Amino acid sequence: MIKNNLKEYRLKRNLTQEQLCKMIDVSQSYLSQLENGQRNMSIAVAVKLSKLFEIALDELINTRV
């Protein structure tokens, strides 16, 4: 699994999982799995998140696993 900083960025924006799910059109179980490292993030979701958080993809995805 690729480690990600999704939860950190979500909390910095004071967003709940439910709010973020609606913004990027994913289920809450999928988002929870991403945050807990149980699932890899799709490229489409990574792009949506990087645009939403106004960050580069490499800031969202920590490749130093």
PDB file of N, CA and C in Angstrom:
ATOM      1  N   MET A   1       0.832  -1.187   0.000  1.00  0.00           N
ATOM      2  CA  MET A   1       0.000   0.000   0.000  1.00  0.00           C
ATOM      3  C   MET A   1       0.881   1.258   0.000  1.00  0.00           C
ATOM      4  N   ILE A   2       0.393   2.266  -0.649  1.00  0.00           N
ATOM      5  CA  ILE A   2       1.088   3.548  -0.680  1.00  0.00           C
ATOM      6  C   ILE A   2       0.561   4.402   0.464  1.00  0.00           C
ATOM      7  N   LYS A   3       1.465   4.850   1.308  1.00  0.00           N
ATOM      8  CA  LYS A   3       1.061   5.715   2.424  1.00  0.00           C
ATOM      9  C   LYS A   3       0.599   7.059   1.864  1.00  0.00           C
ATOM     10  N   ASN A   4      -0.465   7.591   2.459  1.00  0.00           N
ATOM     11  CA  ASN A   4      -0.941   8.897   2.011  1.00  0.00           C
ATOM     12  C   ASN A   4      -1.183   9.802   3.210  1.00  0.00           C
ATOM     13  N   ASN A   5      -1.270  11.069   2.930  1.00  0.00           N
ATOM     14  CA  ASN A   5      -1.479  12.093   3.958  1.00  0.00           C
ATOM     15  C   ASN A   5      -2.907  12.626   3.927  1.00  0.00           C
ATOM     16  N   LEU A   6      -3.815  11.833   3.432  1.00  0.00           N
ATOM     17  CA  LEU A   6      -5.192  12.267   3.233  1.00  0.00           C
ATOM     18  C   LEU A   6      -5.856  12.746   4.519  1.00  0.00           C
ATOM     19  N   LYS A   7      -5.758  11.961   5.569  1.00  0.00           N
ATOM     20  CA  LYS A   7      -6.423  12.340   6.820  1.00  0.00           C
ATOM     21  C   LYS A   7      -5.868  13.662   7.351  1.00  0.00           C
ATOM     22  N   GLU A   8      -4.566  13.824   7.258  1.00  0.00           N
ATOM     23  CA  GLU A   8      -3.920  15.061   7.715  1.00  0.00           C
ATOM     24  C   GLU A   8      -4.482  16.278   6.975  1.00  0.00           C
ATOM     25  N   TYR A   9      -4.583  16.182   5.651  1.00  0.00           N
ATOM     26  CA  TYR A   9      -5.107  17.302   4.869  1.00  0.00           C
ATOM     27  C   TYR A   9      -6.594  17.518   5.125  1.00  0.00           C
ATOM     28  N   ARG A  10      -7.344  16.437   5.317  1.00  0.00           N
ATOM     29  CA  ARG A  10      -8.775  16.573   5.614  1.00  0.00           C
ATOM     30  C   ARG A  10      -8.978  17.305   6.931  1.00  0.00           C
ATOM     31  N   LEU A  11      -8.212  16.919   7.940  1.00  0.00           N
ATOM     32  CA  LEU A  11      -8.359  17.547   9.253  1.00  0.00           C
ATOM     33  C   LEU A  11      -7.899  19.002   9.247  1.00  0.00           C
ATOM     34  N   LYS A  12      -6.869  19.316   8.467  1.00  0.00           N
ATOM     35  CA  LYS A  12      -6.415  20.710   8.349  1.00  0.00           C
ATOM     36  C   LYS A  12      -7.511  21.608   7.796  1.00  0.00           C
ATOM     37  N   ARG A  13      -8.370  21.038   6.956  1.00  0.00           N
ATOM     38  CA  ARG A  13      -9.483  21.791   6.369  1.00  0.00           C
ATOM     39  C   ARG A  13     -10.757  21.699   7.213  1.00  0.00           C
ATOM     40  N   ASN A  14     -10.643  21.040   8.374  1.00  0.00           N
ATOM     41  CA  ASN A  14     -11.794  20.865   9.271  1.00  0.00           C
ATOM     42  C   ASN A  14     -12.980  20.211   8.573  1.00  0.00           C
ATOM     43  N   LEU A  15     -12.683  19.195   7.773  1.00  0.00           N
ATOM     44  CA  LEU A  15     -13.725  18.462   7.063  1.00  0.00           C
ATOM     45  C   LEU A  15     -13.970  17.115   7.727  1.00  0.00           C
ATOM     46  N   THR A  16     -15.224  16.708   7.770  1.00  0.00           N
ATOM     47  CA  THR A  16     -15.537  15.352   8.212  1.00  0.00           C
ATOM     48  C   THR A  16     -15.355  14.425   7.014  1.00  0.00           C
ATOM     49  N   GLN A  17     -15.304  13.132   7.286  1.00  0.00           N
ATOM     50  CA  GLN A  17     -15.237  12.179   6.183  1.00  0.00           C
ATOM     51  C   GLN A  17     -16.465  12.331   5.290  1.00  0.00           C
ATOM     52  N   GLU A  18     -17.612  12.500   5.904  1.00  0.00           N
ATOM     53  CA  GLU A  18     -18.855  12.634   5.140  1.00  0.00           C
ATOM     54  C   GLU A  18     -18.808  13.840   4.198  1.00  0.00           C
ATOM     55  N   GLN A  19     -18.322  14.959   4.692  1.00  0.00           N
ATOM     56  CA  GLN A  19     -18.227  16.164   3.858  1.00  0.00           C
ATOM     57  C   GLN A  19     -17.281  15.945   2.684  1.00  0.00           C
ATOM     58  N   LEU A  20     -16.121  15.365   2.971  1.00  0.00           N
ATOM     59  CA  LEU A  20     -15.138  15.145   1.913  1.00  0.00           C
ATOM     60  C   LEU A  20     -15.663  14.149   0.881  1.00  0.00           C
ATOM     61  N   CYS A  21     -16.345  13.123   1.332  1.00  0.00           N
ATOM     62  CA  CYS A  21     -16.912  12.133   0.411  1.00  0.00           C
ATOM     63  C   CYS A  21     -17.842  12.786  -0.596  1.00  0.00           C
ATOM     64  N   LYS A  22     -18.672  13.687  -0.118  1.00  0.00           N
ATOM     65  CA  LYS A  22     -19.602  14.386  -1.012  1.00  0.00           C
ATOM     66  C   LYS A  22     -18.850  15.269  -2.000  1.00  0.00           C
ATOM     67  N   MET A  23     -17.766  15.864  -1.561  1.00  0.00           N
ATOM     68  CA  MET A  23     -17.004  16.777  -2.415  1.00  0.00           C
ATOM     69  C   MET A  23     -16.279  16.051  -3.546  1.00  0.00           C
ATOM     70  N   ILE A  24     -15.834  14.816  -3.275  1.00  0.00           N
ATOM     71  CA  ILE A  24     -15.066  14.087  -4.289  1.00  0.00           C
ATOM     72  C   ILE A  24     -15.824  12.884  -4.846  1.00  0.00           C
ATOM     73  N   ASP A  25     -17.078  12.714  -4.412  1.00  0.00           N
ATOM     74  CA  ASP A  25     -17.969  11.683  -4.940  1.00  0.00           C
ATOM     75  C   ASP A  25     -17.431  10.262  -4.739  1.00  0.00           C
ATOM     76  N   VAL A  26     -17.132   9.937  -3.477  1.00  0.00           N
ATOM     77  CA  VAL A  26     -16.740   8.571  -3.111  1.00  0.00           C
ATOM     78  C   VAL A  26     -17.538   8.156  -1.879  1.00  0.00           C
ATOM     79  N   SER A  27     -17.566   6.859  -1.606  1.00  0.00           N
ATOM     80  CA  SER A  27     -18.279   6.378  -0.422  1.00  0.00           C
ATOM     81  C   SER A  27     -17.434   6.607   0.828  1.00  0.00           C
ATOM     82  N   GLN A  28     -18.107   6.650   1.956  1.00  0.00           N
ATOM     83  CA  GLN A  28     -17.393   6.856   3.216  1.00  0.00           C
ATOM     84  C   GLN A  28     -16.527   5.650   3.554  1.00  0.00           C
ATOM     85  N   SER A  29     -16.968   4.453   3.200  1.00  0.00           N
ATOM     86  CA  SER A  29     -16.145   3.271   3.485  1.00  0.00           C
ATOM     87  C   SER A  29     -14.858   3.302   2.660  1.00  0.00           C
ATOM     88  N   TYR A  30     -14.946   3.746   1.409  1.00  0.00           N
ATOM     89  CA  TYR A  30     -13.756   3.869   0.565  1.00  0.00           C
ATOM     90  C   TYR A  30     -12.782   4.881   1.160  1.00  0.00           C
ATOM     91  N   LEU A  31     -13.300   6.033   1.574  1.00  0.00           N
ATOM     92  CA  LEU A  31     -12.451   7.066   2.166  1.00  0.00           C
ATOM     93  C   LEU A  31     -11.793   6.564   3.446  1.00  0.00           C
ATOM     94  N   SER A  32     -12.546   5.875   4.266  1.00  0.00           N
ATOM     95  CA  SER A  32     -12.001   5.325   5.504  1.00  0.00           C
ATOM     96  C   SER A  32     -10.881   4.330   5.212  1.00  0.00           C
ATOM     97  N   GLN A  33     -11.084   3.489   4.210  1.00  0.00           N
ATOM     98  CA  GLN A  33     -10.047   2.524   3.827  1.00  0.00           C
ATOM     99  C   GLN A  33      -8.793   3.235   3.337  1.00  0.00           C
ATOM    100  N   LEU A  34      -8.963   4.320   2.607  1.00  0.00           N
ATOM    101  CA  LEU A  34      -7.806   5.099   2.144  1.00  0.00           C
ATOM    102  C   LEU A  34      -7.038   5.671   3.327  1.00  0.00           C
ATOM    103  N   GLU A  35      -7.774   6.295   4.251  1.00  0.00           N
ATOM    104  CA  GLU A  35      -7.130   6.930   5.400  1.00  0.00           C
ATOM    105  C   GLU A  35      -6.435   5.921   6.302  1.00  0.00           C
ATOM    106  N   ASN A  36      -6.953   4.714   6.364  1.00  0.00           N
ATOM    107  CA  ASN A  36      -6.371   3.685   7.224  1.00  0.00           C
ATOM    108  C   ASN A  36      -5.345   2.815   6.513  1.00  0.00           C
ATOM    109  N   GLY A  37      -5.036   3.139   5.259  1.00  0.00           N
ATOM    110  CA  GLY A  37      -4.029   2.394   4.523  1.00  0.00           C
ATOM    111  C   GLY A  37      -4.460   1.010   4.108  1.00  0.00           C
ATOM    112  N   GLN A  38      -5.756   0.766   4.055  1.00  0.00           N
ATOM    113  CA  GLN A  38      -6.273  -0.544   3.674  1.00  0.00           C
ATOM    114  C   GLN A  38      -6.515  -0.664   2.177  1.00  0.00           C
ATOM    115  N   ARG A  39      -6.399   0.443   1.483  1.00  0.00           N
ATOM    116  CA  ARG A  39      -6.679   0.456   0.051  1.00  0.00           C
ATOM    117  C   ARG A  39      -5.827   1.523  -0.615  1.00  0.00           C
ATOM    118  N   ASN A  40      -5.409   1.256  -1.842  1.00  0.00           N
ATOM    119  CA  ASN A  40      -4.670   2.259  -2.601  1.00  0.00           C
ATOM    120  C   ASN A  40      -5.632   3.246  -3.247  1.00  0.00           C
ATOM    121  N   MET A  41      -5.204   4.466  -3.341  1.00  0.00           N
ATOM    122  CA  MET A  41      -5.996   5.539  -3.925  1.00  0.00           C
ATOM    123  C   MET A  41      -5.941   5.457  -5.447  1.00  0.00           C
ATOM    124  N   SER A  42      -7.086   5.610  -6.090  1.00  0.00           N
ATOM    125  CA  SER A  42      -7.091   5.643  -7.553  1.00  0.00           C
ATOM    126  C   SER A  42      -6.492   6.970  -8.021  1.00  0.00           C
ATOM    127  N   ILE A  43      -6.009   6.975  -9.231  1.00  0.00           N
ATOM    128  CA  ILE A  43      -5.434   8.200  -9.781  1.00  0.00           C
ATOM    129  C   ILE A  43      -6.499   9.282  -9.877  1.00  0.00           C
ATOM    130  N   ALA A  44      -7.705   8.909 -10.272  1.00  0.00           N
ATOM    131  CA  ALA A  44      -8.789   9.892 -10.401  1.00  0.00           C
ATOM    132  C   ALA A  44      -9.086  10.564  -9.063  1.00  0.00           C
ATOM    133  N   VAL A  45      -9.132   9.790  -7.995  1.00  0.00           N
ATOM    134  CA  VAL A  45      -9.393  10.346  -6.661  1.00  0.00           C
ATOM    135  C   VAL A  45      -8.214  11.203  -6.213  1.00  0.00           C
ATOM    136  N   ALA A  46      -7.002  10.751  -6.472  1.00  0.00           N
ATOM    137  CA  ALA A  46      -5.818  11.525  -6.095  1.00  0.00           C
ATOM    138  C   ALA A  46      -5.819  12.892  -6.781  1.00  0.00           C
ATOM    139  N   VAL A  47      -6.200  12.925  -8.040  1.00  0.00           N
ATOM    140  CA  VAL A  47      -6.256  14.190  -8.780  1.00  0.00           C
ATOM    141  C   VAL A  47      -7.329  15.103  -8.189  1.00  0.00           C
ATOM    142  N   LYS A  48      -8.511  14.550  -7.894  1.00  0.00           N
ATOM    143  CA  LYS A  48      -9.582  15.350  -7.275  1.00  0.00           C
ATOM    144  C   LYS A  48      -9.119  15.942  -5.951  1.00  0.00           C
ATOM    145  N   LEU A  49      -8.458  15.130  -5.145  1.00  0.00           N
ATOM    146  CA  LEU A  49      -8.002  15.588  -3.832  1.00  0.00           C
ATOM    147  C   LEU A  49      -6.918  16.651  -3.949  1.00  0.00           C
ATOM    148  N   SER A  50      -5.985  16.452  -4.872  1.00  0.00           N
ATOM    149  CA  SER A  50      -4.910  17.441  -5.021  1.00  0.00           C
ATOM    150  C   SER A  50      -5.470  18.786  -5.471  1.00  0.00           C
ATOM    151  N   LYS A  51      -6.486  18.760  -6.318  1.00  0.00           N
ATOM    152  CA  LYS A  51      -7.124  20.011  -6.745  1.00  0.00           C
ATOM    153  C   LYS A  51      -7.891  20.642  -5.591  1.00  0.00           C
ATOM    154  N   LEU A  52      -8.636  19.834  -4.861  1.00  0.00           N
ATOM    155  CA  LEU A  52      -9.432  20.333  -3.742  1.00  0.00           C
ATOM    156  C   LEU A  52      -8.554  20.962  -2.665  1.00  0.00           C
ATOM    157  N   PHE A  53      -7.468  20.272  -2.310  1.00  0.00           N
ATOM    158  CA  PHE A  53      -6.577  20.751  -1.258  1.00  0.00           C
ATOM    159  C   PHE A  53      -5.530  21.736  -1.782  1.00  0.00           C
ATOM    160  N   GLU A  54      -5.505  21.932  -3.107  1.00  0.00           N
ATOM    161  CA  GLU A  54      -4.552  22.837  -3.758  1.00  0.00           C
ATOM    162  C   GLU A  54      -3.110  22.467  -3.424  1.00  0.00           C
ATOM    163  N   ILE A  55      -2.818  21.180  -3.639  1.00  0.00           N
ATOM    164  CA  ILE A  55      -1.477  20.656  -3.383  1.00  0.00           C
ATOM    165  C   ILE A  55      -1.042  19.795  -4.567  1.00  0.00           C
ATOM    166  N   ALA A  56       0.253  19.565  -4.661  1.00  0.00           N
ATOM    167  CA  ALA A  56       0.779  18.666  -5.684  1.00  0.00           C
ATOM    168  C   ALA A  56       0.501  17.222  -5.275  1.00  0.00           C
ATOM    169  N   LEU A  57       0.404  16.348  -6.259  1.00  0.00           N
ATOM    170  CA  LEU A  57       0.138  14.939  -5.960  1.00  0.00           C
ATOM    171  C   LEU A  57       1.174  14.349  -5.013  1.00  0.00           C
ATOM    172  N   ASP A  58       2.438  14.725  -5.182  1.00  0.00           N
ATOM    173  CA  ASP A  58       3.473  14.152  -4.324  1.00  0.00           C
ATOM    174  C   ASP A  58       3.354  14.610  -2.874  1.00  0.00           C
ATOM    175  N   GLU A  59       2.645  15.708  -2.626  1.00  0.00           N
ATOM    176  CA  GLU A  59       2.397  16.126  -1.243  1.00  0.00           C
ATOM    177  C   GLU A  59       1.316  15.263  -0.605  1.00  0.00           C
ATOM    178  N   LEU A  60       0.389  14.797  -1.416  1.00  0.00           N
ATOM    179  CA  LEU A  60      -0.697  13.952  -0.934  1.00  0.00           C
ATOM    180  C   LEU A  60      -0.215  12.525  -0.710  1.00  0.00           C
ATOM    181  N   ILE A  61       0.616  12.059  -1.622  1.00  0.00           N
ATOM    182  CA  ILE A  61       1.089  10.678  -1.557  1.00  0.00           C
ATOM    183  C   ILE A  61       2.536  10.672  -1.098  1.00  0.00           C
ATOM    184  N   ASN A  62       2.761  10.060   0.037  1.00  0.00           N
ATOM    185  CA  ASN A  62       4.106   9.951   0.589  1.00  0.00           C
ATOM    186  C   ASN A  62       4.729   8.688   0.025  1.00  0.00           C
ATOM    187  N   THR A  63       5.692   8.831  -0.871  1.00  0.00           N
ATOM    188  CA  THR A  63       6.290   7.663  -1.508  1.00  0.00           C
ATOM    189  C   THR A  63       7.448   7.087  -0.707  1.00  0.00           C
ATOM    190  N   ARG A  64       7.729   7.653   0.450  1.00  0.00           N
ATOM    191  CA  ARG A  64       8.812   7.138   1.297  1.00  0.00           C
ATOM    192  C   ARG A  64       8.251   6.120   2.287  1.00  0.00           C
ATOM    193  N   VAL A  65       7.705   5.026   1.774  1.00  0.00           N
ATOM    194  CA  VAL A  65       7.069   4.011   2.619  1.00  0.00           C
ATOM    195  C   VAL A  65       8.119   3.198   3.326  1.00  0.00           C
TER     196      VAL A  65
END
